Amino acid sequence: MTTFKGYQRKDGSVGIRNKVLIVSVDECAHGLCERLAKDIPDSVVMTNYHTCMLGGNEEIIQNLIGCSLNPNVGAVLVVTMGCGSIDPELVAEPVRKTEKPVEVLHVISCGGSKKALEKGKVLCKGLHEARNAAPVVEAKLSSLVMGVKCGGSDTSSGLASNPTVGVAVDKMIDSGASVIGGELIELIGGESYLTDRMDDDALKAKFMRLVQAEEERWNIPGTEVEIMSVGNSTGGLTTIEEKTLGAISKFGTRPVVGVLEAGPLGIEKPDPEKPGLYIGEATHLCGASAVNFASMGCQLILWTSGGAGFNNPIVPVIRISGNPDLITEDQDIDATAIMRGEATSQEMGENLFSTIQEVANGTPTAIEEVGCATLSIYQKEQRLEKCLAMCNK
């Protein structure tokens, strides 16, 4: 299978799911959005829980825009209470430019929540119909962008699940797809293993700048963050370098063709004319990382784990584990045979590659329809960013 059936978008991208995304630009409208979603099959609510103020929160807006533009989203409703300073058109207008169906609902302008609910139902009905009208096409694997992340790493991660993903990543790239490796904080101590795969000095400099900034961001003297978690240590990992080398193995062996930055001015995406392996500024925070990946255009995510897992309502998550204690119905790929010496990462990677194609073709992941993490939005604290910039002058 070298193709998949997906939903053609007018911007040229192809979705592997067909969601209606209901975006609440302020948390006060969240309840109304949840109520609207109850009547719309395959709808997802994404809420800005941080603040209704615009200044200093531009990265949140960029993530709302990025998720709205994701190929797995077929239509968008942007909702605002109407008393905050975030103009819903900041989200709606970029979507409108791609000709994706989008509507805006102002609660206060409607005369209150109950009236807004009635109007919202009408708007959602239209968006539901527009979403269903998207043509289904036979698309090449080169139409896919895939995110890669690990969590709850243990000894089995570096020996089994991550190498398995590395094989599948190489096969996806060889098929013309793009893969985004996230979680910069996981790369500390192993940067050279990736810069050696970059053929451009500017690319290397950008990568090192982002990794250094992430390390400073999370390790301010006196408020350091535990990079080696208790779960990592009890799982058999001894140093951050050991953890890093295991994490990098999930990126495969192909050259790094780009580095993607996420910030207040925009969320960078892979260049369609330059497929391959990208390193992206997707956070190490689980649920929020999926939002970053979705904003960067990923249609699916591979997640390796020694003791944790998450699901996402926009982007299907394929879970891979080599830890026998974690093998339940939640895992898509059981890589424990590698730990027992009964299979190789090459063999398991071939199995994973087949699973990726099945999921792209519409097959649900193990628990895709059961439960999902909140679409939490991570953004860098702008006051801290300013302080760090001043300290580095």
Protein backbone atom coordinates (compact mmCIF):
# COMPACT_ATOMS: atom_id res chain seq x y z
CA MET A 1 0.00 0.00 0.00
CA THR A 2 1.69 3.20 -1.16
CA THR A 3 -1.39 5.43 -1.19
CA PHE A 4 -4.24 6.28 1.15
CA LYS A 5 -7.74 7.68 0.82
CA GLY A 6 -7.96 11.12 2.36
CA TYR A 7 -9.93 14.37 2.35
CA GLN A 8 -8.75 16.86 -0.23
CA ARG A 9 -8.41 20.44 1.01
CA LYS A 10 -8.42 23.45 -1.28
CA ASP A 11 -4.93 24.47 -0.14
CA GLY A 12 -3.59 21.21 -1.63
CA SER A 13 -3.19 19.30 1.64
CA VAL A 14 -4.94 16.00 2.37
CA GLY A 15 -6.52 15.12 5.72
CA ILE A 16 -6.72 11.61 7.13
CA ARG A 17 -9.62 12.67 9.36
CA ASN A 18 -12.45 15.16 8.73
CA LYS A 19 -13.19 17.15 11.88
CA VAL A 20 -15.21 20.25 12.63
CA LEU A 21 -13.05 22.35 14.95
CA ILE A 22 -14.87 24.66 17.35
CA VAL A 23 -12.39 27.24 18.62
CA SER A 24 -13.15 29.24 21.76
CA VAL A 25 -10.78 32.19 21.74
CA ASP A 26 -11.57 32.84 25.41
CA GLU A 27 -12.42 30.39 28.17
CA CYS A 28 -15.72 32.08 29.02
CA ALA A 29 -17.23 30.69 25.82
CA HIS A 30 -15.98 27.15 26.46
CA GLY A 31 -19.23 25.79 27.90
CA LEU A 32 -21.21 27.02 24.92
CA CYS A 33 -18.70 25.41 22.54
CA GLU A 34 -18.99 22.08 24.36
CA ARG A 35 -22.75 22.26 24.08
CA LEU A 36 -22.56 22.93 20.34
CA ALA A 37 -20.17 20.02 19.85
CA LYS A 38 -22.69 17.56 21.30
CA ASP A 39 -24.83 17.90 18.18
CA ILE A 40 -22.00 17.68 15.62
CA PRO A 41 -20.39 14.27 14.92
CA ASP A 42 -16.58 14.32 14.74
CA SER A 43 -16.38 17.79 16.25
CA VAL A 44 -13.57 18.97 18.51
CA VAL A 45 -13.48 21.89 20.96
CA MET A 46 -10.24 23.83 21.37
CA THR A 47 -10.25 26.51 24.06
CA ASN A 48 -7.80 29.23 24.99
CA TYR A 49 -7.83 28.76 28.77
CA HIS A 50 -5.01 31.24 29.38
CA THR A 51 -6.55 34.68 28.98
CA CYS A 52 -8.85 36.77 26.82
CA MET A 53 -6.12 39.41 26.45
CA LEU A 54 -4.11 39.57 23.25
CA GLY A 55 -0.89 41.29 24.32
CA GLY A 56 1.82 38.76 25.15
CA ASN A 57 -0.32 35.81 24.12
CA GLU A 58 0.31 35.86 20.38
CA GLU A 59 1.81 32.36 20.42
CA ILE A 60 -1.54 31.04 21.68
CA ILE A 61 -3.26 32.67 18.70
CA GLN A 62 -0.71 31.12 16.34
CA ASN A 63 -1.50 27.67 17.72
CA LEU A 64 -5.24 28.27 17.32
CA ILE A 65 -4.64 29.30 13.72
CA GLY A 66 -2.30 26.38 13.05
CA CYS A 67 -4.75 23.79 14.37
CA SER A 68 -7.57 25.38 12.38
CA LEU A 69 -5.46 25.04 9.22
CA ASN A 70 -4.54 21.41 9.96
CA PRO A 71 -5.47 19.09 7.06
CA ASN A 72 -7.49 16.87 9.44
CA VAL A 73 -9.87 19.79 10.06
CA GLY A 74 -12.59 20.18 7.43
CA ALA A 75 -14.41 23.22 8.85
CA VAL A 76 -14.00 25.72 11.68
CA LEU A 77 -16.30 27.70 13.99
CA VAL A 78 -14.56 30.49 15.94
CA VAL A 79 -16.44 31.57 19.06
CA THR A 80 -15.87 34.58 21.31
CA MET A 81 -17.74 35.93 24.28
CA GLY A 82 -17.01 39.35 22.82
CA CYS A 83 -15.70 41.24 25.84
CA GLY A 84 -12.02 40.32 25.54
CA SER A 85 -9.31 41.84 23.37
CA ILE A 86 -8.74 38.82 21.09
CA ASP A 87 -10.49 39.50 17.80
CA PRO A 88 -11.83 36.14 16.50
CA GLU A 89 -10.99 37.30 12.98
CA LEU A 90 -7.33 36.82 13.90
CA VAL A 91 -8.09 33.10 13.73
CA ALA A 92 -10.85 33.09 11.12
CA GLU A 93 -9.20 35.22 8.43
CA PRO A 94 -6.14 32.97 7.80
CA VAL A 95 -8.54 30.00 7.54
CA ARG A 96 -10.82 31.91 5.17
CA LYS A 97 -7.89 32.62 2.87
CA THR A 98 -7.43 28.88 2.32
CA GLU A 99 -11.13 28.58 1.35
CA LYS A 100 -11.76 26.19 4.22
CA PRO A 101 -15.33 26.66 5.55
CA VAL A 102 -15.22 28.95 8.61
CA GLU A 103 -17.79 30.91 10.63
CA VAL A 104 -17.55 33.32 13.58
CA LEU A 105 -19.96 33.49 16.53
CA HIS A 106 -20.07 36.49 18.94
CA VAL A 107 -22.01 35.57 22.08
CA ILE A 108 -22.70 39.09 23.37
CA SER A 109 -23.62 40.36 19.91
CA CYS A 110 -26.21 37.58 19.68
CA GLY A 111 -27.91 38.92 22.79
CA GLY A 112 -26.67 36.27 25.20
CA SER A 113 -25.66 32.63 25.50
CA LYS A 114 -29.03 31.02 24.73
CA LYS A 115 -29.50 33.05 21.57
CA ALA A 116 -25.88 32.38 20.63
CA LEU A 117 -26.52 28.67 21.11
CA GLU A 118 -29.39 28.73 18.63
CA LYS A 119 -27.39 30.68 16.08
CA GLY A 120 -24.40 28.43 16.69
CA LYS A 121 -26.48 25.35 15.94
CA VAL A 122 -27.40 26.79 12.56
CA LEU A 123 -23.79 27.67 11.80
CA CYS A 124 -22.56 24.23 12.89
CA LYS A 125 -25.15 22.51 10.71
CA GLY A 126 -23.81 24.39 7.70
CA LEU A 127 -20.19 23.62 8.64
CA HIS A 128 -21.05 19.96 9.13
CA GLU A 129 -22.53 19.81 5.62
CA ALA A 130 -19.58 21.68 4.12
CA ARG A 131 -17.12 19.38 5.87
CA ASN A 132 -18.94 16.32 4.52
CA ALA A 133 -18.70 17.72 0.99
CA ALA A 134 -14.90 17.44 0.97
CA PRO A 135 -13.85 15.14 -1.89
CA VAL A 136 -12.19 11.85 -0.94
CA VAL A 137 -9.08 11.27 -3.05
CA GLU A 138 -6.36 8.66 -3.47
CA ALA A 139 -3.25 10.37 -2.10
CA LYS A 140 0.41 9.44 -1.98
CA LEU A 141 2.27 8.94 1.30
CA SER A 142 4.24 12.03 0.32
CA SER A 143 1.12 14.01 1.32
CA LEU A 144 1.71 13.10 4.97
CA VAL A 145 3.45 15.02 7.72
CA MET A 146 4.12 12.92 10.83
CA GLY A 147 5.15 14.02 14.31
CA VAL A 148 7.41 11.89 16.51
CA LYS A 149 7.67 12.11 20.30
CA CYS A 150 8.49 9.96 23.33
CA GLY A 151 7.30 10.04 26.93
CA GLY A 152 7.86 8.14 30.14
CA SER A 153 11.12 6.85 28.64
CA ASP A 154 12.74 3.82 30.21
CA THR A 155 15.35 1.25 29.16
CA SER A 156 12.96 -0.32 26.68
CA SER A 157 12.45 3.03 24.93
CA GLY A 158 16.03 3.30 23.67
CA LEU A 159 16.33 -0.42 22.97
CA ALA A 160 12.97 -1.22 21.40
CA SER A 161 10.26 1.38 20.73
CA ASN A 162 12.46 4.29 19.62
CA PRO A 163 14.57 2.23 17.16
CA THR A 164 11.33 0.73 15.82
CA VAL A 165 10.04 4.22 15.11
CA GLY A 166 13.40 5.17 13.58
CA VAL A 167 12.97 2.43 10.96
CA ALA A 168 9.43 3.60 10.14
CA VAL A 169 10.60 7.23 9.97
CA ASP A 170 13.24 6.33 7.38
CA LYS A 171 10.65 4.45 5.33
CA MET A 172 8.22 7.37 5.47
CA ILE A 173 10.91 9.84 4.37
CA ASP A 174 11.98 7.50 1.58
CA SER A 175 8.33 7.53 0.47
CA GLY A 176 8.44 11.31 0.15
CA ALA A 177 6.76 12.23 3.44
CA SER A 178 7.95 14.76 6.00
CA VAL A 179 8.60 13.85 9.64
CA ILE A 180 8.89 16.31 12.53
CA GLY A 181 10.90 15.30 15.58
CA GLY A 182 9.94 17.37 18.59
CA GLU A 183 10.88 17.84 22.23
CA LEU A 184 14.09 19.90 22.07
CA ILE A 185 14.76 19.44 25.77
CA GLU A 186 15.22 15.71 25.09
CA LEU A 187 18.13 16.48 22.74
CA ILE A 188 20.42 18.14 25.29
CA GLY A 189 23.77 16.35 25.28
CA GLY A 190 23.24 14.76 21.89
CA GLU A 191 23.05 17.81 19.65
CA SER A 192 26.05 16.76 17.54
CA TYR A 193 24.29 13.58 16.45
CA LEU A 194 21.79 15.80 14.66
CA THR A 195 24.01 18.68 13.53
CA ASP A 196 26.21 16.08 11.80
CA ARG A 197 23.14 15.35 9.66
CA MET A 198 22.69 19.00 8.65
CA ASP A 199 24.51 20.31 5.58
CA ASP A 200 23.89 23.99 6.21
CA ASP A 201 25.65 26.16 8.80
CA ALA A 202 22.62 28.44 9.20
CA LEU A 203 20.46 25.40 9.93
CA LYS A 204 22.92 24.18 12.56
CA ALA A 205 23.00 27.63 14.17
CA LYS A 206 19.21 27.84 14.30
CA PHE A 207 18.97 24.38 15.84
CA MET A 208 21.59 25.12 18.50
CA ARG A 209 19.95 28.47 19.30
CA LEU A 210 16.57 26.82 19.91
CA VAL A 211 18.00 23.98 22.01
CA GLN A 212 20.03 26.40 24.13
CA ALA A 213 17.00 28.65 24.63
CA GLU A 214 14.90 25.65 25.71
CA GLU A 215 17.54 24.58 28.23
CA GLU A 216 17.72 28.09 29.69
CA ARG A 217 13.93 28.39 29.73
CA TRP A 218 13.44 25.30 31.87
CA ASN A 219 16.55 25.45 34.04
CA ILE A 220 16.77 28.88 35.61
CA PRO A 221 19.02 28.63 38.69
CA GLY A 222 16.89 27.92 41.71
CA THR A 223 13.88 26.83 39.66
CA GLU A 224 15.32 23.94 37.65
CA VAL A 225 12.94 21.49 36.04
CA GLU A 226 13.51 17.78 36.52
CA ILE A 227 14.66 16.66 33.06
CA MET A 228 15.45 13.15 34.28
CA SER A 229 12.13 12.22 35.85
CA VAL A 230 11.62 9.63 38.58
CA GLY A 231 9.99 7.38 35.99
CA ASN A 232 13.06 7.59 33.78
CA SER A 233 15.35 6.60 36.64
CA THR A 234 13.23 3.76 37.99
CA GLY A 235 12.90 2.57 34.40
CA GLY A 236 16.65 2.01 34.24
CA LEU A 237 18.04 5.20 32.68
CA THR A 238 21.02 6.67 34.50
CA THR A 239 21.95 9.96 32.76
CA ILE A 240 20.34 12.61 30.59
CA GLU A 241 22.83 11.70 27.84
CA GLU A 242 21.65 8.08 27.91
CA LYS A 243 18.07 9.24 27.69
CA THR A 244 18.95 11.63 24.86
CA LEU A 245 20.68 9.03 22.71
CA GLY A 246 17.70 6.73 23.09
CA ALA A 247 15.35 9.57 22.15
CA ILE A 248 17.33 10.51 19.03
CA SER A 249 17.12 6.95 17.71
CA LYS A 250 13.44 7.52 16.93
CA PHE A 251 14.43 10.12 14.32
CA GLY A 252 15.87 7.47 12.01
CA THR A 253 19.03 8.05 9.98
CA ARG A 254 18.15 10.45 7.18
CA PRO A 255 19.53 14.01 6.83
CA VAL A 256 17.85 16.84 8.74
CA VAL A 257 16.46 19.20 6.09
CA GLY A 258 14.93 21.86 8.32
CA VAL A 259 14.31 23.25 11.81
CA LEU A 260 10.86 24.60 12.68
CA GLU A 261 10.31 27.41 15.18
CA ALA A 262 7.08 28.05 17.07
CA GLY A 263 6.56 31.56 18.39
CA PRO A 264 4.39 34.67 18.53
CA LEU A 265 5.03 35.52 14.89
CA GLY A 266 3.96 32.16 13.56
CA ILE A 267 4.33 28.39 13.62
CA GLU A 268 6.75 27.18 10.96
CA LYS A 269 5.78 24.17 8.84
CA PRO A 270 7.70 21.79 6.58
CA ASP A 271 8.33 23.02 3.07
CA PRO A 272 6.13 20.91 0.71
CA GLU A 273 8.89 21.19 -1.87
CA LYS A 274 11.48 19.91 0.59
CA PRO A 275 10.24 16.71 2.27
CA GLY A 276 12.37 14.90 4.82
CA LEU A 277 13.28 15.04 8.49
CA TYR A 278 12.60 18.24 10.39
CA ILE A 279 13.36 19.08 14.02
CA GLY A 280 10.49 21.08 15.45
CA GLU A 281 10.03 23.27 18.50
CA ALA A 282 7.23 21.08 19.85
CA THR A 283 7.20 21.12 23.63
CA HIS A 284 8.02 18.12 25.81
CA LEU A 285 4.68 18.63 27.61
CA CYS A 286 2.54 15.73 26.36
CA GLY A 287 -0.87 17.11 25.41
CA ALA A 288 0.51 20.49 24.37
CA SER A 289 3.09 18.84 22.12
CA ALA A 290 0.28 17.37 20.04
CA VAL A 291 -1.14 20.87 19.59
CA ASN A 292 2.28 22.03 18.39
CA PHE A 293 2.49 19.10 15.98
CA ALA A 294 -1.05 19.80 14.73
CA SER A 295 -0.15 23.47 14.23
CA MET A 296 2.88 22.42 12.18
CA GLY A 297 0.59 20.45 9.87
CA CYS A 298 0.98 16.88 11.15
CA GLN A 299 -1.82 14.49 10.24
CA LEU A 300 -0.60 11.80 12.66
CA ILE A 301 1.82 11.27 15.55
CA LEU A 302 4.02 8.37 16.62
CA TRP A 303 4.40 8.15 20.39
CA THR A 304 6.91 5.84 22.07
CA SER A 305 6.67 5.12 25.76
CA GLY A 306 8.01 3.18 28.67
CA GLY A 307 5.26 4.28 31.01
CA ALA A 308 2.96 6.97 29.66
CA GLY A 309 0.64 7.74 26.80
CA PHE A 310 -1.80 10.31 25.46
CA ASN A 311 -4.39 10.69 22.75
CA ASN A 312 -5.37 13.70 20.62
CA PRO A 313 -8.75 14.53 19.07
CA ILE A 314 -7.35 16.20 15.91
CA VAL A 315 -4.28 14.10 15.13
CA PRO A 316 -4.40 10.30 15.60
CA VAL A 317 -1.64 9.00 17.89
CA ILE A 318 -0.04 5.62 17.21
CA ARG A 319 1.47 4.24 20.44
CA ILE A 320 4.54 1.98 20.51
CA SER A 321 6.04 0.37 23.62
CA GLY A 322 8.63 -2.23 24.49
CA ASN A 323 7.74 -2.31 28.18
CA PRO A 324 5.78 -5.52 28.99
CA ASP A 325 4.15 -3.80 31.98
CA LEU A 326 2.59 -1.25 29.64
CA ILE A 327 1.22 -3.60 27.01
CA THR A 328 -2.54 -3.22 27.21
CA GLU A 329 -5.26 -2.62 24.66
CA ASP A 330 -4.07 1.00 24.52
CA GLN A 331 -0.88 0.16 22.61
CA ASP A 332 -0.88 -0.06 18.82
CA ILE A 333 2.53 -1.70 18.47
CA ASP A 334 3.89 -4.24 20.96
CA ALA A 335 7.67 -4.06 20.60
CA THR A 336 8.47 -6.32 23.58
CA ALA A 337 9.67 -9.06 21.21
CA ILE A 338 12.78 -6.94 20.69
CA MET A 339 13.48 -6.98 24.44
CA ARG A 340 13.14 -10.78 24.43
CA GLY A 341 15.49 -11.15 21.47
CA GLU A 342 12.69 -12.56 19.31
CA ALA A 343 12.49 -9.72 16.77
CA THR A 344 14.57 -6.86 15.40
CA SER A 345 13.77 -3.16 15.23
CA GLN A 346 13.83 -3.53 11.44
CA GLU A 347 11.06 -6.13 11.58
CA MET A 348 8.99 -4.15 14.07
CA GLY A 349 9.57 -0.98 12.05
CA GLU A 350 8.12 -2.69 8.98
CA ASN A 351 5.02 -3.56 11.04
CA LEU A 352 4.74 0.02 12.23
CA PHE A 353 5.06 1.33 8.66
CA SER A 354 2.09 -0.84 7.68
CA THR A 355 0.12 0.45 10.69
CA ILE A 356 0.84 4.05 9.69
CA GLN A 357 -0.65 3.40 6.25
CA GLU A 358 -3.72 1.72 7.77
CA VAL A 359 -4.33 4.66 10.13
CA ALA A 360 -3.86 7.11 7.25
CA ASN A 361 -6.50 5.10 5.38
CA GLY A 362 -9.02 5.62 8.18
CA THR A 363 -8.41 2.70 10.53
CA PRO A 364 -8.76 4.02 14.11
CA THR A 365 -5.79 3.76 16.45
CA ALA A 366 -6.17 1.50 19.49
CA ILE A 367 -8.16 4.00 21.58
CA GLU A 368 -8.76 6.84 19.12
CA GLU A 369 -12.50 6.80 19.74
CA VAL A 370 -12.30 6.27 23.52
CA GLY A 371 -10.64 9.26 25.12
CA CYS A 372 -8.39 12.19 24.32
CA ALA A 373 -6.19 14.60 26.21
CA THR A 374 -7.24 18.24 26.47
CA LEU A 375 -6.05 20.38 23.59
CA SER A 376 -3.76 22.29 25.94
CA ILE A 377 -1.85 25.15 24.39
CA TYR A 378 1.72 25.78 25.49
CA GLN A 379 3.31 29.16 24.97
CA LYS A 380 6.57 30.64 26.14
CA GLU A 381 6.16 33.16 28.95
CA GLN A 382 6.96 36.44 27.21
CA ARG A 383 8.27 38.22 30.31
CA LEU A 384 10.67 35.33 30.93
CA GLU A 385 11.72 35.39 27.27
CA LYS A 386 12.53 39.08 27.60
CA CYS A 387 14.59 38.46 30.74
CA LEU A 388 16.53 35.64 29.09
CA ALA A 389 17.23 37.81 26.06
CA MET A 390 18.56 40.59 28.30
CA CYS A 391 20.75 38.13 30.22
CA ASN A 392 22.27 36.82 27.00
CA LYS A 393 23.26 40.23 25.66
